[in-house]
């Protein structure tokens, strides 16, 4: 009986964690990254990335700031230095998808400020 309840509880927890929305802390961090990217200051951008411990290769292909990809957002804001810094993460797309993977890793991180 206890084993069945444990398995059911674990399955229920995995279901809710896969459908969880963006946390307020994550949204705050991504808005800060968007603002730092628009500033065209490499120092401010690097400082923000380090302070929030953001993985560039994981976030930049999916980060959307004010309806634009982060790369296009930085270019449209006139931040050529920032756009040049993240260009390797935004250009091209190679996808290897594990069909047995339970978490949806292809969700976009959309923030508006």
C-alpha atoms as a PDB file:
ATOM      1  CA  UNK A   1       0.000   0.000   0.000  1.00  0.00           C
ATOM      2  CA  UNK A   2       2.747   2.454   0.987  1.00  0.00           C
ATOM      3  CA  UNK A   3       4.750   1.579  -2.121  1.00  0.00           C
ATOM      4  CA  UNK A   4       1.751   2.295  -4.362  1.00  0.00           C
ATOM      5  CA  UNK A   5       1.160   5.673  -2.707  1.00  0.00           C
ATOM      6  CA  UNK A   6       4.825   6.576  -3.100  1.00  0.00           C
ATOM      7  CA  UNK A   7       4.812   5.730  -6.806  1.00  0.00           C
ATOM      8  CA  UNK A   8       1.545   7.621  -7.366  1.00  0.00           C
ATOM      9  CA  UNK A   9       2.914  10.652  -5.500  1.00  0.00           C
ATOM     10  CA  UNK A  10       6.122  10.645  -7.531  1.00  0.00           C
ATOM     11  CA  UNK A  11       4.187  10.414 -10.798  1.00  0.00           C
ATOM     12  CA  UNK A  12       1.912  13.264  -9.729  1.00  0.00           C
ATOM     13  CA  UNK A  13       4.901  15.438  -8.745  1.00  0.00           C
ATOM     14  CA  UNK A  14       6.573  14.827 -12.106  1.00  0.00           C
ATOM     15  CA  UNK A  15       3.369  15.812 -13.903  1.00  0.00           C
ATOM     16  CA  UNK A  16       3.079  19.115 -12.061  1.00  0.00           C
ATOM     17  CA  UNK A  17       6.775  19.985 -12.392  1.00  0.00           C
ATOM     18  CA  UNK A  18       6.688  19.478 -16.165  1.00  0.00           C
ATOM     19  CA  UNK A  19       3.774  21.907 -16.532  1.00  0.00           C
ATOM     20  CA  UNK A  20       5.051  24.522 -14.079  1.00  0.00           C
ATOM     21  CA  UNK A  21       5.051  28.144 -15.196  1.00  0.00           C
ATOM     22  CA  UNK A  22       7.985  30.519 -15.013  1.00  0.00           C
ATOM     23  CA  UNK A  23       8.854  31.406 -11.420  1.00  0.00           C
ATOM     24  CA  UNK A  24       9.034  35.071 -10.390  1.00  0.00           C
ATOM     25  CA  UNK A  25      12.766  34.728  -9.739  1.00  0.00           C
ATOM     26  CA  UNK A  26      13.343  33.357 -13.222  1.00  0.00           C
ATOM     27  CA  UNK A  27      11.274  36.131 -14.784  1.00  0.00           C
ATOM     28  CA  UNK A  28      13.227  38.768 -12.834  1.00  0.00           C
ATOM     29  CA  UNK A  29      16.517  37.263 -13.998  1.00  0.00           C
ATOM     30  CA  UNK A  30      15.442  37.134 -17.647  1.00  0.00           C
ATOM     31  CA  UNK A  31      14.132  40.718 -17.590  1.00  0.00           C
ATOM     32  CA  UNK A  32      17.490  41.791 -16.153  1.00  0.00           C
ATOM     33  CA  UNK A  33      19.264  39.941 -18.954  1.00  0.00           C
ATOM     34  CA  UNK A  34      17.069  41.655 -21.552  1.00  0.00           C
ATOM     35  CA  UNK A  35      17.780  45.077 -20.037  1.00  0.00           C
ATOM     36  CA  UNK A  36      21.505  44.383 -19.822  1.00  0.00           C
ATOM     37  CA  UNK A  37      21.501  43.178 -23.428  1.00  0.00           C
ATOM     38  CA  UNK A  38      19.897  46.404 -24.610  1.00  0.00           C
ATOM     39  CA  UNK A  39      22.482  48.531 -22.787  1.00  0.00           C
ATOM     40  CA  UNK A  40      25.361  47.739 -25.215  1.00  0.00           C
ATOM     41  CA  UNK A  41      27.724  47.460 -22.243  1.00  0.00           C
ATOM     42  CA  UNK A  42      29.732  44.248 -22.153  1.00  0.00           C
ATOM     43  CA  UNK A  43      30.596  44.859 -18.503  1.00  0.00           C
ATOM     44  CA  UNK A  44      26.948  45.178 -17.451  1.00  0.00           C
ATOM     45  CA  UNK A  45      25.928  42.206 -19.604  1.00  0.00           C
ATOM     46  CA  UNK A  46      28.680  39.940 -18.237  1.00  0.00           C
ATOM     47  CA  UNK A  47      27.978  41.054 -14.667  1.00  0.00           C
ATOM     48  CA  UNK A  48      24.270  40.245 -15.037  1.00  0.00           C
ATOM     49  CA  UNK A  49      25.021  36.854 -16.578  1.00  0.00           C
ATOM     50  CA  UNK A  50      27.401  35.947 -13.753  1.00  0.00           C
ATOM     51  CA  UNK A  51      25.183  37.239 -10.956  1.00  0.00           C
ATOM     52  CA  UNK A  52      22.228  35.124 -12.093  1.00  0.00           C
ATOM     53  CA  UNK A  53      24.424  32.174 -13.190  1.00  0.00           C
ATOM     54  CA  UNK A  54      22.807  31.933 -16.611  1.00  0.00           C
ATOM     55  CA  UNK A  55      23.865  29.235 -19.059  1.00  0.00           C
ATOM     56  CA  UNK A  56      24.214  31.052 -22.406  1.00  0.00           C
ATOM     57  CA  UNK A  57      23.806  28.036 -24.649  1.00  0.00           C
ATOM     58  CA  UNK A  58      20.610  27.018 -22.883  1.00  0.00           C
ATOM     59  CA  UNK A  59      18.886  30.398 -22.596  1.00  0.00           C
ATOM     60  CA  UNK A  60      19.779  32.447 -25.681  1.00  0.00           C
ATOM     61  CA  UNK A  61      18.242  30.256 -28.377  1.00  0.00           C
ATOM     62  CA  UNK A  62      14.900  30.429 -26.495  1.00  0.00           C
ATOM     63  CA  UNK A  63      14.875  33.855 -24.826  1.00  0.00           C
ATOM     64  CA  UNK A  64      12.294  36.236 -26.298  1.00  0.00           C
ATOM     65  CA  UNK A  65      12.371  39.883 -25.177  1.00  0.00           C
ATOM     66  CA  UNK A  66       9.358  42.048 -26.063  1.00  0.00           C
ATOM     67  CA  UNK A  67       8.279  39.672 -28.824  1.00  0.00           C
ATOM     68  CA  UNK A  68      11.697  39.356 -30.520  1.00  0.00           C
ATOM     69  CA  UNK A  69      14.482  36.823 -30.181  1.00  0.00           C
ATOM     70  CA  UNK A  70      17.203  38.089 -27.859  1.00  0.00           C
ATOM     71  CA  UNK A  71      19.636  38.498 -30.741  1.00  0.00           C
ATOM     72  CA  UNK A  72      17.190  40.593 -32.783  1.00  0.00           C
ATOM     73  CA  UNK A  73      16.167  42.511 -29.663  1.00  0.00           C
ATOM     74  CA  UNK A  74      19.786  43.489 -29.008  1.00  0.00           C
ATOM     75  CA  UNK A  75      20.311  44.520 -32.635  1.00  0.00           C
ATOM     76  CA  UNK A  76      17.124  46.607 -32.709  1.00  0.00           C
ATOM     77  CA  UNK A  77      18.114  48.306 -29.444  1.00  0.00           C
ATOM     78  CA  UNK A  78      21.424  49.348 -31.023  1.00  0.00           C
ATOM     79  CA  UNK A  79      23.493  47.023 -28.840  1.00  0.00           C
ATOM     80  CA  UNK A  80      25.947  45.735 -31.438  1.00  0.00           C
ATOM     81  CA  UNK A  81      28.508  44.651 -28.806  1.00  0.00           C
ATOM     82  CA  UNK A  82      25.986  42.461 -27.030  1.00  0.00           C
ATOM     83  CA  UNK A  83      24.610  41.055 -30.281  1.00  0.00           C
ATOM     84  CA  UNK A  84      28.135  40.152 -31.411  1.00  0.00           C
ATOM     85  CA  UNK A  85      28.771  38.427 -28.081  1.00  0.00           C
ATOM     86  CA  UNK A  86      25.684  36.200 -28.317  1.00  0.00           C
ATOM     87  CA  UNK A  87      25.783  35.617 -32.083  1.00  0.00           C
ATOM     88  CA  UNK A  88      27.364  32.138 -31.755  1.00  0.00           C
ATOM     89  CA  UNK A  89      24.387  31.037 -29.649  1.00  0.00           C
ATOM     90  CA  UNK A  90      21.714  32.453 -31.968  1.00  0.00           C
ATOM     91  CA  UNK A  91      22.881  31.463 -35.454  1.00  0.00           C
ATOM     92  CA  UNK A  92      22.085  28.035 -36.846  1.00  0.00           C
ATOM     93  CA  UNK A  93      20.082  25.288 -35.294  1.00  0.00           C
ATOM     94  CA  UNK A  94      20.922  21.668 -34.663  1.00  0.00           C
ATOM     95  CA  UNK A  95      18.394  19.609 -32.775  1.00  0.00           C
ATOM     96  CA  UNK A  96      18.875  16.230 -31.193  1.00  0.00           C
ATOM     97  CA  UNK A  97      15.739  15.225 -29.351  1.00  0.00           C
ATOM     98  CA  UNK A  98      15.408  12.318 -26.984  1.00  0.00           C
ATOM     99  CA  UNK A  99      11.993  10.817 -27.670  1.00  0.00           C
ATOM    100  CA  UNK A 100      11.886   9.289 -24.196  1.00  0.00           C
ATOM    101  CA  UNK A 101      12.476  12.629 -22.514  1.00  0.00           C
ATOM    102  CA  UNK A 102       9.611  13.601 -20.227  1.00  0.00           C
ATOM    103  CA  UNK A 103      10.462  17.292 -19.711  1.00  0.00           C
ATOM    104  CA  UNK A 104       9.631  19.759 -22.473  1.00  0.00           C
ATOM    105  CA  UNK A 105      12.960  21.489 -23.058  1.00  0.00           C
ATOM    106  CA  UNK A 106      11.873  23.405 -26.154  1.00  0.00           C
ATOM    107  CA  UNK A 107       9.665  25.945 -24.385  1.00  0.00           C
ATOM    108  CA  UNK A 108      10.352  29.605 -25.078  1.00  0.00           C
ATOM    109  CA  UNK A 109      11.151  32.000 -22.262  1.00  0.00           C
ATOM    110  CA  UNK A 110       9.081  35.068 -23.121  1.00  0.00           C
ATOM    111  CA  UNK A 111       9.383  38.217 -21.013  1.00  0.00           C
ATOM    112  CA  UNK A 112       7.952  41.669 -21.582  1.00  0.00           C
ATOM    113  CA  UNK A 113       8.994  44.782 -19.722  1.00  0.00           C
END
